Amino acid sequence: MREIFNGILYQLKNGCNWQDLPKDLPPYSTVYWHYKKWRAAGVFEELMSVLFRTCA
């Protein structure tokens, strides 16, 4: 799961196509599938909310 999360962070940070993820990460289709699921479930909004509360 950590490598999948690293792939999502890499794509979001660099703005590259999913297909252009480095080869040392899991396959882009796996990373993108988890990203879609987690986005739909509100995981990223919750993560940002927790991080904001922690830093504020």
C-alpha atoms as a PDB file:
ATOM      1  CA  MET A   1       0.000   0.000   0.000  1.00  0.00           C
ATOM      2  CA  ARG A   2       2.874   2.363   0.719  1.00  0.00           C
ATOM      3  CA  GLU A   3       4.232   1.982  -2.810  1.00  0.00           C
ATOM      4  CA  ILE A   4       0.778   2.644  -4.247  1.00  0.00           C
ATOM      5  CA  PHE A   5       0.470   5.777  -2.126  1.00  0.00           C
ATOM      6  CA  ASN A   6       3.966   6.825  -3.262  1.00  0.00           C
ATOM      7  CA  GLY A   7       2.813   6.425  -6.869  1.00  0.00           C
ATOM      8  CA  ILE A   8      -0.224   8.617  -6.260  1.00  0.00           C
ATOM      9  CA  LEU A   9       1.907  11.288  -4.592  1.00  0.00           C
ATOM     10  CA  TYR A  10       4.409  11.142  -7.452  1.00  0.00           C
ATOM     11  CA  GLN A  11       1.690  11.688 -10.046  1.00  0.00           C
ATOM     12  CA  LEU A  12       0.038  14.502  -8.107  1.00  0.00           C
ATOM     13  CA  LYS A  13       3.345  16.260  -7.456  1.00  0.00           C
ATOM     14  CA  ASN A  14       4.701  15.971 -10.996  1.00  0.00           C
ATOM     15  CA  GLY A  15       1.476  16.140 -12.976  1.00  0.00           C
ATOM     16  CA  CYS A  16       2.636  13.386 -15.297  1.00  0.00           C
ATOM     17  CA  ASN A  17       0.366  10.933 -17.079  1.00  0.00           C
ATOM     18  CA  TRP A  18      -0.442   7.862 -15.051  1.00  0.00           C
ATOM     19  CA  GLN A  19       1.278   5.767 -17.714  1.00  0.00           C
ATOM     20  CA  ASP A  20       4.517   7.702 -17.116  1.00  0.00           C
ATOM     21  CA  LEU A  21       4.989   6.639 -13.503  1.00  0.00           C
ATOM     22  CA  PRO A  22       8.517   5.353 -12.822  1.00  0.00           C
ATOM     23  CA  LYS A  23       8.980   1.642 -13.342  1.00  0.00           C
ATOM     24  CA  ASP A  24      10.093   1.116  -9.718  1.00  0.00           C
ATOM     25  CA  LEU A  25       6.514   1.858  -8.604  1.00  0.00           C
ATOM     26  CA  PRO A  26       3.591  -0.569  -9.005  1.00  0.00           C
ATOM     27  CA  PRO A  27       1.885  -0.673 -12.431  1.00  0.00           C
ATOM     28  CA  TYR A  28       0.101   2.562 -13.240  1.00  0.00           C
ATOM     29  CA  SER A  29      -3.232   0.780 -13.634  1.00  0.00           C
ATOM     30  CA  THR A  30      -3.008  -0.469 -10.043  1.00  0.00           C
ATOM     31  CA  VAL A  31      -1.999   2.949  -8.713  1.00  0.00           C
ATOM     32  CA  TYR A  32      -4.761   4.710 -10.661  1.00  0.00           C
ATOM     33  CA  TRP A  33      -7.397   2.168  -9.585  1.00  0.00           C
ATOM     34  CA  HIS A  34      -6.602   2.809  -5.917  1.00  0.00           C
ATOM     35  CA  TYR A  35      -6.509   6.576  -6.513  1.00  0.00           C
ATOM     36  CA  LYS A  36     -10.035   6.497  -8.005  1.00  0.00           C
ATOM     37  CA  LYS A  37     -11.361   4.389  -5.129  1.00  0.00           C
ATOM     38  CA  TRP A  38      -9.744   6.522  -2.435  1.00  0.00           C
ATOM     39  CA  ARG A  39     -10.815   9.778  -4.124  1.00  0.00           C
ATOM     40  CA  ALA A  40     -14.433   8.592  -4.323  1.00  0.00           C
ATOM     41  CA  ALA A  41     -14.318   7.532  -0.664  1.00  0.00           C
ATOM     42  CA  GLY A  42     -13.058  10.964   0.424  1.00  0.00           C
ATOM     43  CA  VAL A  43      -9.737   9.650   1.712  1.00  0.00           C
ATOM     44  CA  PHE A  44      -7.710  12.590   0.406  1.00  0.00           C
ATOM     45  CA  GLU A  45     -10.070  15.197   1.834  1.00  0.00           C
ATOM     46  CA  GLU A  46      -9.902  13.473   5.212  1.00  0.00           C
ATOM     47  CA  LEU A  47      -6.122  13.233   5.030  1.00  0.00           C
ATOM     48  CA  MET A  48      -5.803  16.937   4.247  1.00  0.00           C
ATOM     49  CA  SER A  49      -8.221  17.790   7.056  1.00  0.00           C
ATOM     50  CA  VAL A  50      -6.205  15.790   9.588  1.00  0.00           C
ATOM     51  CA  LEU A  51      -2.924  17.265   8.370  1.00  0.00           C
ATOM     52  CA  PHE A  52      -4.331  20.783   8.523  1.00  0.00           C
ATOM     53  CA  ARG A  53      -5.589  20.300  12.098  1.00  0.00           C
ATOM     54  CA  THR A  54      -2.214  18.870  13.116  1.00  0.00           C
ATOM     55  CA  CYS A  55      -0.253  21.753  11.639  1.00  0.00           C
ATOM     56  CA  ALA A  56      -2.580  24.554  12.699  1.00  0.00           C
END
